[in-house]
């Protein structure tokens, strides 16, 4: 586990690296959804896999429309605070 909290900026970095998010589509809005930044359900699945591999995070629903970017950050942060 990492000692620093997972942030929206970390999520944007991950989405650029693993899901093809163009740099100009980055956002600082935690209320944005995947569609708002031009990503689809395949990018969401790629992100889910990466978050699971890195942090053991489970997203209970496979629909990107069900999560804001802030929800994703909160989910990862909660997983980080769980004892190993």
N, C-alpha and C. Protein backbone atom coordinates (compact mmCIF):
# COMPACT_ATOMS: atom_id res chain seq x y z
N UNK A 1 0.83 -1.19 0.00
CA UNK A 1 0.00 0.00 0.00
C UNK A 1 0.88 1.25 0.00
N UNK A 2 0.33 2.30 -0.50
CA UNK A 2 1.07 3.55 -0.55
C UNK A 2 0.72 4.41 0.65
N UNK A 3 1.64 5.27 1.07
CA UNK A 3 1.40 6.10 2.23
C UNK A 3 0.65 7.38 1.87
N UNK A 4 0.74 7.85 0.65
CA UNK A 4 0.04 9.06 0.26
C UNK A 4 -1.33 8.71 -0.30
N UNK A 5 -2.33 9.56 -0.02
CA UNK A 5 -3.69 9.26 -0.48
C UNK A 5 -3.80 9.33 -2.01
N UNK A 6 -4.69 8.52 -2.54
CA UNK A 6 -4.99 8.52 -3.97
C UNK A 6 -5.83 9.76 -4.27
N UNK A 7 -5.44 10.50 -5.29
CA UNK A 7 -6.10 11.77 -5.61
C UNK A 7 -6.72 11.72 -7.01
N UNK A 8 -7.49 12.75 -7.31
CA UNK A 8 -8.06 12.87 -8.64
C UNK A 8 -6.96 13.01 -9.68
N UNK A 9 -5.89 13.69 -9.33
CA UNK A 9 -4.75 13.82 -10.24
C UNK A 9 -4.12 12.45 -10.51
N UNK A 10 -4.03 11.62 -9.48
CA UNK A 10 -3.52 10.25 -9.67
C UNK A 10 -4.43 9.47 -10.63
N UNK A 11 -5.74 9.65 -10.47
CA UNK A 11 -6.68 8.98 -11.36
C UNK A 11 -6.51 9.46 -12.80
N UNK A 12 -6.34 10.76 -12.98
CA UNK A 12 -6.12 11.29 -14.33
C UNK A 12 -4.85 10.71 -14.94
N UNK A 13 -3.77 10.60 -14.14
CA UNK A 13 -2.53 10.00 -14.62
C UNK A 13 -2.77 8.56 -15.07
N UNK A 14 -3.47 7.80 -14.24
CA UNK A 14 -3.76 6.40 -14.56
C UNK A 14 -4.59 6.30 -15.84
N UNK A 15 -5.59 7.16 -15.97
CA UNK A 15 -6.44 7.11 -17.17
C UNK A 15 -5.67 7.50 -18.42
N UNK A 16 -4.73 8.40 -18.30
CA UNK A 16 -3.88 8.74 -19.45
C UNK A 16 -3.03 7.54 -19.84
N UNK A 17 -2.42 6.89 -18.86
CA UNK A 17 -1.50 5.78 -19.12
C UNK A 17 -2.20 4.51 -19.57
N UNK A 18 -3.34 4.19 -18.95
CA UNK A 18 -3.96 2.88 -19.17
C UNK A 18 -5.23 2.90 -19.99
N UNK A 19 -5.87 4.05 -20.12
CA UNK A 19 -7.16 4.08 -20.81
C UNK A 19 -7.18 5.05 -21.99
N UNK A 20 -6.04 5.66 -22.30
CA UNK A 20 -5.97 6.52 -23.47
C UNK A 20 -6.58 7.89 -23.32
N UNK A 21 -6.70 8.39 -22.09
CA UNK A 21 -7.24 9.74 -21.89
C UNK A 21 -6.29 10.77 -22.50
N UNK A 22 -6.77 11.58 -23.43
CA UNK A 22 -5.91 12.64 -23.98
C UNK A 22 -5.60 13.67 -22.89
N UNK A 23 -4.37 14.17 -22.84
CA UNK A 23 -4.00 15.14 -21.80
C UNK A 23 -4.94 16.34 -21.72
N UNK A 24 -5.45 16.78 -22.85
CA UNK A 24 -6.34 17.94 -22.85
C UNK A 24 -7.72 17.63 -22.26
N UNK A 25 -8.01 16.34 -22.01
CA UNK A 25 -9.30 15.96 -21.43
C UNK A 25 -9.25 15.78 -19.92
N UNK A 26 -8.07 15.98 -19.33
CA UNK A 26 -7.95 15.89 -17.87
C UNK A 26 -8.91 16.88 -17.22
N UNK A 27 -9.39 16.54 -16.03
CA UNK A 27 -10.30 17.43 -15.31
C UNK A 27 -9.93 17.48 -13.84
N UNK A 28 -10.35 18.53 -13.19
CA UNK A 28 -10.21 18.64 -11.74
C UNK A 28 -11.59 18.58 -11.07
N UNK A 29 -12.61 18.25 -11.85
CA UNK A 29 -13.99 18.20 -11.36
C UNK A 29 -14.32 16.81 -10.83
N UNK A 30 -14.44 16.64 -9.51
CA UNK A 30 -14.76 15.32 -8.96
C UNK A 30 -16.17 14.84 -9.31
N UNK A 31 -17.01 15.74 -9.78
CA UNK A 31 -18.39 15.37 -10.15
C UNK A 31 -18.50 14.89 -11.59
N UNK A 32 -17.42 14.95 -12.35
CA UNK A 32 -17.44 14.51 -13.75
C UNK A 32 -17.56 12.99 -13.84
N UNK A 33 -18.13 12.54 -14.94
CA UNK A 33 -18.25 11.11 -15.24
C UNK A 33 -17.31 10.78 -16.40
N UNK A 34 -17.16 9.50 -16.67
CA UNK A 34 -16.30 9.06 -17.77
C UNK A 34 -16.71 9.71 -19.09
N UNK A 35 -18.00 9.77 -19.37
CA UNK A 35 -18.46 10.36 -20.62
C UNK A 35 -18.06 11.83 -20.72
N UNK A 36 -18.00 12.52 -19.59
CA UNK A 36 -17.64 13.94 -19.58
C UNK A 36 -16.20 14.17 -20.04
N UNK A 37 -15.34 13.17 -19.87
CA UNK A 37 -13.94 13.32 -20.29
C UNK A 37 -13.65 12.50 -21.55
N UNK A 38 -14.71 12.02 -22.19
CA UNK A 38 -14.57 11.36 -23.48
C UNK A 38 -14.17 9.89 -23.42
N UNK A 39 -14.35 9.25 -22.27
CA UNK A 39 -14.00 7.83 -22.16
C UNK A 39 -15.27 6.97 -22.12
N UNK A 40 -15.11 5.73 -22.58
CA UNK A 40 -16.26 4.82 -22.68
C UNK A 40 -16.13 3.67 -21.68
N UNK A 41 -17.03 2.70 -21.80
CA UNK A 41 -17.07 1.58 -20.86
C UNK A 41 -15.82 0.69 -20.97
N UNK A 42 -15.21 0.61 -22.14
CA UNK A 42 -13.97 -0.18 -22.25
C UNK A 42 -12.84 0.48 -21.46
N UNK A 43 -12.77 1.78 -21.50
CA UNK A 43 -11.77 2.50 -20.70
C UNK A 43 -12.06 2.30 -19.22
N UNK A 44 -13.34 2.27 -18.86
CA UNK A 44 -13.71 2.04 -17.46
C UNK A 44 -13.26 0.66 -17.01
N UNK A 45 -13.46 -0.34 -17.85
CA UNK A 45 -13.04 -1.70 -17.50
C UNK A 45 -11.52 -1.79 -17.37
N UNK A 46 -10.80 -1.10 -18.23
CA UNK A 46 -9.35 -1.06 -18.14
C UNK A 46 -8.92 -0.42 -16.82
N UNK A 47 -9.58 0.66 -16.44
CA UNK A 47 -9.29 1.32 -15.17
C UNK A 47 -9.60 0.40 -14.00
N UNK A 48 -10.74 -0.29 -14.05
CA UNK A 48 -11.11 -1.21 -12.97
C UNK A 48 -10.03 -2.26 -12.77
N UNK A 49 -9.55 -2.83 -13.85
CA UNK A 49 -8.52 -3.87 -13.76
C UNK A 49 -7.25 -3.30 -13.14
N UNK A 50 -6.85 -2.14 -13.59
CA UNK A 50 -5.63 -1.52 -13.05
C UNK A 50 -5.78 -1.17 -11.57
N UNK A 51 -6.92 -0.63 -11.18
CA UNK A 51 -7.13 -0.30 -9.77
C UNK A 51 -7.16 -1.56 -8.91
N UNK A 52 -7.74 -2.62 -9.43
CA UNK A 52 -7.75 -3.88 -8.69
C UNK A 52 -6.33 -4.42 -8.53
N UNK A 53 -5.56 -4.38 -9.60
CA UNK A 53 -4.18 -4.89 -9.55
C UNK A 53 -3.31 -4.06 -8.60
N UNK A 54 -3.46 -2.76 -8.63
CA UNK A 54 -2.61 -1.88 -7.81
C UNK A 54 -3.06 -1.78 -6.36
N UNK A 55 -4.38 -1.71 -6.15
CA UNK A 55 -4.88 -1.38 -4.82
C UNK A 55 -5.86 -2.40 -4.24
N UNK A 56 -6.22 -3.42 -5.00
CA UNK A 56 -7.20 -4.39 -4.53
C UNK A 56 -8.61 -3.83 -4.50
N UNK A 57 -8.83 -2.79 -5.26
CA UNK A 57 -10.12 -2.09 -5.27
C UNK A 57 -11.15 -2.84 -6.12
N UNK A 58 -12.34 -2.99 -5.59
CA UNK A 58 -13.45 -3.58 -6.32
C UNK A 58 -14.50 -2.50 -6.57
N UNK A 59 -14.89 -2.32 -7.82
CA UNK A 59 -15.99 -1.42 -8.15
C UNK A 59 -17.20 -2.32 -8.37
N UNK A 60 -18.21 -2.21 -7.51
CA UNK A 60 -19.32 -3.17 -7.56
C UNK A 60 -20.17 -3.15 -8.83
N UNK A 61 -20.10 -2.09 -9.59
CA UNK A 61 -20.91 -1.99 -10.80
C UNK A 61 -19.98 -1.71 -11.98
N UNK A 62 -20.25 -2.36 -13.11
CA UNK A 62 -19.40 -2.19 -14.29
C UNK A 62 -19.80 -1.02 -15.18
N UNK A 63 -20.77 -0.24 -14.75
CA UNK A 63 -21.23 0.88 -15.58
C UNK A 63 -20.53 2.17 -15.17
N UNK A 64 -19.80 2.80 -16.10
CA UNK A 64 -19.14 4.06 -15.76
C UNK A 64 -20.12 5.18 -15.43
N UNK A 65 -21.36 5.06 -15.87
CA UNK A 65 -22.35 6.09 -15.59
C UNK A 65 -22.75 6.12 -14.12
N UNK A 66 -22.44 5.04 -13.39
CA UNK A 66 -22.83 4.95 -11.98
C UNK A 66 -21.83 5.61 -11.04
N UNK A 67 -20.71 6.09 -11.56
CA UNK A 67 -19.66 6.65 -10.72
C UNK A 67 -19.21 8.02 -11.22
N UNK A 68 -19.02 8.94 -10.29
CA UNK A 68 -18.30 10.16 -10.63
C UNK A 68 -16.82 9.85 -10.45
N UNK A 69 -15.97 10.70 -10.97
CA UNK A 69 -14.54 10.51 -10.76
C UNK A 69 -14.21 10.60 -9.28
N UNK A 70 -14.92 11.46 -8.56
CA UNK A 70 -14.73 11.56 -7.11
C UNK A 70 -15.11 10.27 -6.40
N UNK A 71 -16.17 9.59 -6.86
CA UNK A 71 -16.56 8.30 -6.28
C UNK A 71 -15.43 7.28 -6.43
N UNK A 72 -14.79 7.29 -7.57
CA UNK A 72 -13.69 6.35 -7.84
C UNK A 72 -12.53 6.64 -6.89
N UNK A 73 -12.18 7.91 -6.75
CA UNK A 73 -11.09 8.29 -5.84
C UNK A 73 -11.43 7.86 -4.41
N UNK A 74 -12.66 8.08 -3.99
CA UNK A 74 -13.08 7.69 -2.65
C UNK A 74 -12.99 6.19 -2.45
N UNK A 75 -13.39 5.42 -3.45
CA UNK A 75 -13.32 3.96 -3.37
C UNK A 75 -11.88 3.49 -3.23
N UNK A 76 -10.98 4.06 -4.01
CA UNK A 76 -9.57 3.67 -3.93
C UNK A 76 -9.00 4.08 -2.57
N UNK A 77 -9.32 5.28 -2.11
CA UNK A 77 -8.83 5.75 -0.81
C UNK A 77 -9.31 4.84 0.31
N UNK A 78 -10.54 4.41 0.25
CA UNK A 78 -11.06 3.50 1.27
C UNK A 78 -10.32 2.16 1.23
N UNK A 79 -10.02 1.67 0.05
CA UNK A 79 -9.27 0.40 -0.08
C UNK A 79 -7.86 0.55 0.48
N UNK A 80 -7.26 1.72 0.29
CA UNK A 80 -5.91 1.96 0.80
C UNK A 80 -5.89 1.97 2.32
N UNK A 81 -6.97 2.39 2.94
CA UNK A 81 -6.99 2.50 4.40
C UNK A 81 -7.32 1.17 5.08
N UNK A 82 -7.71 0.17 4.30
CA UNK A 82 -8.01 -1.16 4.85
C UNK A 82 -6.73 -1.88 5.22
N UNK A 83 -6.73 -2.59 6.35
CA UNK A 83 -5.53 -3.38 6.68
C UNK A 83 -5.31 -4.49 5.67
N UNK A 84 -4.06 -4.79 5.40
CA UNK A 84 -3.71 -5.82 4.42
C UNK A 84 -4.07 -7.19 4.91
